[in-house]
Every structure is written in structure tokens, then in C-alpha cells.
Amino acid sequence: MIESDVFVQSLQDIGVNFFTGVPDSILGGIIAELMDRRLYTPAVREDEAVGMAAGAYMAGKMPAVLMQNSGLGTSLNALISLNVIYRQPCILIVSWRGQGGKDAPEHLVMGEVMPQFLDTMKIPHRTLTEKTAGDDFKWVAETFKKQQIPVALFITKGVVKGLHP
């Protein structure tokens, strides 16, 4: 399991310096660490967070948006009509709820289709694992800088330490 402080530091080490998003239990430890470091700007909705990240990018920041995968549906219009079309990159840190058909019923559909959903939107994505974390962060940084579009890093339950064991 990756400690939340190590995860946050890894993002900072690749240049991420603006964090926003919507709370989620899988991302709770990461958000708590960001709040301890006074780096987190909470958003009410995922599309609002995407807009805030676009503004931060225009101000010279390297932004990350934290959200649950159901938030991808909420943020679809902002991601396509702002970020993709106008080359406004951001790193999407997305908790993969419903992966493998295990979770509350409301998470199962998005859990099943999330990779294909992002493929359809032409947003590159990768799933973080403890074993490949170094390469995963390197891939995120290189893809963000090279393609200048949103890039997603999926977080599955138990890979990054949460608030509760």
C-alpha cells in the first residue's frame, strides 16, 4: 500500500502544484494529506473542479483534479469542450469505484465502462499499482507535458492508504 504522503509527494515531484476535486472515500487519505499541506481547493462538482484546473493551468500551474469515476460523467462536457479542444491539460486522479463488479450498485455501471469511456473521449489513462508507481507517475508527467490534454490515473481501493484501514 502506498502511503498518502508518498503519493502526494510523488505528484509534487513531477510538478503538480494545484489540487482540486470532490471528496471520495478511496481518495480520502490523499485529500487529507493535501489539506494538511494546505494544497487542496475543494470543489462542489467535478465539472467545477475541471474548470478551476483549467484556470490554474492558464495561470502557469500544473493541476490535478481528484474525483470518483462517476464524476467523469458529470465533467464530460467541461473535459471535452474546454480541456481537450483548447489543449488545457490536467491530471485526473480518479477512484475506480465498481471495478470488477464489487461495490454499491450505483457504482457498477461506471466501474465496468470507465476505461472504454475514456478511450472514447481520447483521454489517456493508466491504473496505479504499488509495484509500478514510479513508472506510473513518470508516464503521467510525460503524457501531460507531451500531449497537452487531460490524462487519468485510476486509483483502486487499497492501493493508496485511505482514512480508514
Protein backbone atom coordinates (compact mmCIF):
# COMPACT_ATOMS: atom_id res chain seq x y z
CA MET A 1 0.00 0.00 0.00
CA ILE A 2 1.28 3.47 -0.92
CA GLU A 3 1.17 5.99 1.91
CA SER A 4 -0.89 9.11 1.16
CA ASP A 5 2.03 11.44 1.91
CA VAL A 6 4.25 9.50 -0.53
CA PHE A 7 1.53 9.70 -3.19
CA VAL A 8 1.15 13.46 -2.76
CA GLN A 9 4.91 14.00 -2.73
CA SER A 10 5.24 11.95 -5.92
CA LEU A 11 2.75 14.25 -7.63
CA GLN A 12 4.59 17.32 -6.36
CA ASP A 13 7.89 15.81 -7.55
CA ILE A 14 6.57 15.67 -11.12
CA GLY A 15 5.46 19.30 -10.88
CA VAL A 16 1.83 19.17 -9.79
CA ASN A 17 1.17 22.32 -7.79
CA PHE A 18 -2.61 22.84 -7.89
CA PHE A 19 -5.07 20.32 -6.46
CA THR A 20 -8.84 20.47 -6.52
CA GLY A 21 -11.68 18.00 -6.57
CA VAL A 22 -14.64 16.38 -4.92
CA PRO A 23 -14.31 14.08 -1.89
CA ASP A 24 -14.43 10.30 -2.18
CA SER A 25 -13.68 7.61 0.40
CA ILE A 26 -10.95 5.94 -1.70
CA LEU A 27 -9.24 9.32 -2.14
CA GLY A 28 -9.82 10.40 1.48
CA GLY A 29 -6.25 9.85 2.66
CA ILE A 30 -4.85 11.77 -0.30
CA ILE A 31 -7.25 14.68 0.25
CA ALA A 32 -6.47 14.73 3.98
CA GLU A 33 -2.75 14.93 3.18
CA LEU A 34 -3.34 17.72 0.67
CA MET A 35 -5.38 19.62 3.24
CA ASP A 36 -2.61 19.17 5.85
CA ARG A 37 -0.19 20.68 3.33
CA ARG A 38 -2.70 23.45 2.52
CA LEU A 39 -2.67 22.48 -1.16
CA TYR A 40 -6.29 21.44 -1.70
CA THR A 41 -9.04 23.69 -3.06
CA PRO A 42 -12.36 21.84 -2.70
CA ALA A 43 -14.98 21.96 -5.44
CA VAL A 44 -18.72 21.44 -5.27
CA ARG A 45 -18.95 19.44 -8.50
CA GLU A 46 -16.45 17.69 -10.73
CA ASP A 47 -17.07 19.97 -13.71
CA GLU A 48 -16.36 22.95 -11.47
CA ALA A 49 -13.07 21.33 -10.44
CA VAL A 50 -12.14 20.79 -14.10
CA GLY A 51 -12.85 24.48 -14.79
CA MET A 52 -10.75 25.53 -11.78
CA ALA A 53 -7.92 23.33 -13.03
CA ALA A 54 -8.11 24.96 -16.49
CA GLY A 55 -7.83 28.38 -14.87
CA ALA A 56 -4.89 27.20 -12.78
CA TYR A 57 -3.17 25.87 -15.91
CA MET A 58 -3.66 29.23 -17.67
CA ALA A 59 -2.06 30.85 -14.63
CA GLY A 60 1.02 28.66 -15.04
CA LYS A 61 0.16 25.81 -12.67
CA MET A 62 0.22 22.06 -13.25
CA PRO A 63 -3.23 20.98 -11.99
CA ALA A 64 -4.70 17.74 -10.69
CA VAL A 65 -8.40 17.03 -10.23
CA LEU A 66 -9.46 14.35 -7.75
CA MET A 67 -12.80 12.64 -8.31
CA GLN A 68 -14.73 9.43 -8.12
CA ASN A 69 -15.28 7.79 -11.51
CA SER A 70 -18.97 8.75 -11.50
CA GLY A 71 -17.67 12.32 -11.63
CA LEU A 72 -16.30 11.67 -15.10
CA GLY A 73 -19.89 11.71 -16.33
CA THR A 74 -20.51 14.99 -14.54
CA SER A 75 -17.36 16.54 -16.00
CA LEU A 76 -17.67 15.22 -19.57
CA ASN A 77 -18.76 18.49 -21.19
CA ALA A 78 -16.05 20.53 -19.46
CA LEU A 79 -13.35 17.99 -20.31
CA ILE A 80 -14.28 17.81 -23.99
CA SER A 81 -15.33 21.40 -24.76
CA LEU A 82 -12.61 23.07 -22.66
CA ASN A 83 -9.70 20.80 -21.87
CA VAL A 84 -9.45 18.61 -24.96
CA ILE A 85 -10.38 21.17 -27.62
CA TYR A 86 -8.32 24.04 -26.17
CA ARG A 87 -5.41 21.86 -25.02
CA GLN A 88 -5.93 22.57 -21.32
CA PRO A 89 -4.18 19.64 -19.64
CA CYS A 90 -4.91 18.39 -16.17
CA ILE A 91 -4.19 15.21 -14.29
CA LEU A 92 -7.35 13.35 -13.35
CA ILE A 93 -6.88 11.30 -10.18
CA VAL A 94 -9.91 9.02 -10.44
CA SER A 95 -11.03 6.46 -7.88
CA TRP A 96 -12.18 3.35 -9.70
CA ARG A 97 -15.44 2.58 -7.91
CA GLY A 98 -17.29 -0.54 -9.05
CA GLN A 99 -14.21 -2.19 -10.52
CA GLY A 100 -14.72 -5.90 -11.03
CA GLY A 101 -18.42 -5.67 -10.20
CA LYS A 102 -17.82 -5.14 -6.48
CA ASP A 103 -19.24 -2.01 -4.85
CA ALA A 104 -22.53 -0.30 -4.18
CA PRO A 105 -24.99 -0.74 -7.08
CA GLU A 106 -24.71 2.89 -8.20
CA HIS A 107 -21.00 2.38 -8.97
CA LEU A 108 -21.23 -0.79 -11.04
CA VAL A 109 -22.06 0.63 -14.49
CA MET A 110 -19.33 3.28 -14.49
CA GLY A 111 -16.95 0.80 -12.88
CA GLU A 112 -17.43 -1.53 -15.81
CA VAL A 113 -17.16 1.04 -18.63
CA MET A 114 -14.67 3.61 -17.30
CA PRO A 115 -11.63 2.60 -19.41
CA GLN A 116 -13.72 2.45 -22.60
CA PHE A 117 -15.39 5.73 -21.63
CA LEU A 118 -12.01 7.49 -21.52
CA ASP A 119 -10.84 5.71 -24.67
CA THR A 120 -13.91 7.13 -26.45
CA MET A 121 -13.03 10.64 -25.20
CA LYS A 122 -9.40 10.05 -26.29
CA ILE A 123 -8.12 10.71 -22.76
CA PRO A 124 -5.05 8.58 -21.97
CA HIS A 125 -5.31 6.58 -18.76
CA ARG A 126 -3.40 4.17 -16.60
CA THR A 127 -4.11 2.29 -13.36
CA LEU A 128 -1.75 2.96 -10.45
CA THR A 129 -0.27 -0.08 -8.74
CA GLU A 130 2.13 -0.23 -5.85
CA LYS A 131 4.61 -2.21 -7.97
CA THR A 132 4.58 0.22 -10.92
CA ALA A 133 4.02 3.53 -9.07
CA GLY A 134 7.33 5.09 -10.17
CA ASP A 135 6.65 4.31 -13.82
CA ASP A 136 3.01 5.37 -13.44
CA PHE A 137 3.96 8.84 -12.20
CA LYS A 138 6.62 9.18 -14.89
CA TRP A 139 4.04 8.22 -17.54
CA VAL A 140 1.56 10.79 -16.17
CA ALA A 141 4.16 13.58 -16.30
CA GLU A 142 5.39 12.71 -19.78
CA THR A 143 1.90 12.28 -21.23
CA PHE A 144 0.63 15.50 -19.61
CA LYS A 145 3.52 17.53 -20.99
CA LYS A 146 3.70 15.91 -24.43
CA GLN A 147 0.00 15.68 -25.36
CA GLN A 148 -1.30 18.78 -23.54
CA ILE A 149 -4.66 17.15 -22.78
CA PRO A 150 -6.17 15.60 -19.67
CA VAL A 151 -4.60 12.35 -18.53
CA ALA A 152 -6.18 9.99 -16.00
CA LEU A 153 -4.61 7.94 -13.24
CA PHE A 154 -7.02 5.36 -11.82
CA ILE A 155 -6.79 4.56 -8.13
CA THR A 156 -8.28 1.28 -6.94
CA LYS A 157 -9.33 0.59 -3.38
CA GLY A 158 -6.41 -0.35 -1.13
CA VAL A 159 -3.57 0.89 -3.36
CA VAL A 160 -3.19 4.25 -1.60
CA LYS A 161 -3.77 4.38 2.14
CA GLY A 162 -7.14 5.89 2.95
CA LEU A 163 -8.50 7.45 6.10
CA HIS A 164 -9.75 4.10 7.38
CA PRO A 165 -7.87 0.78 7.24
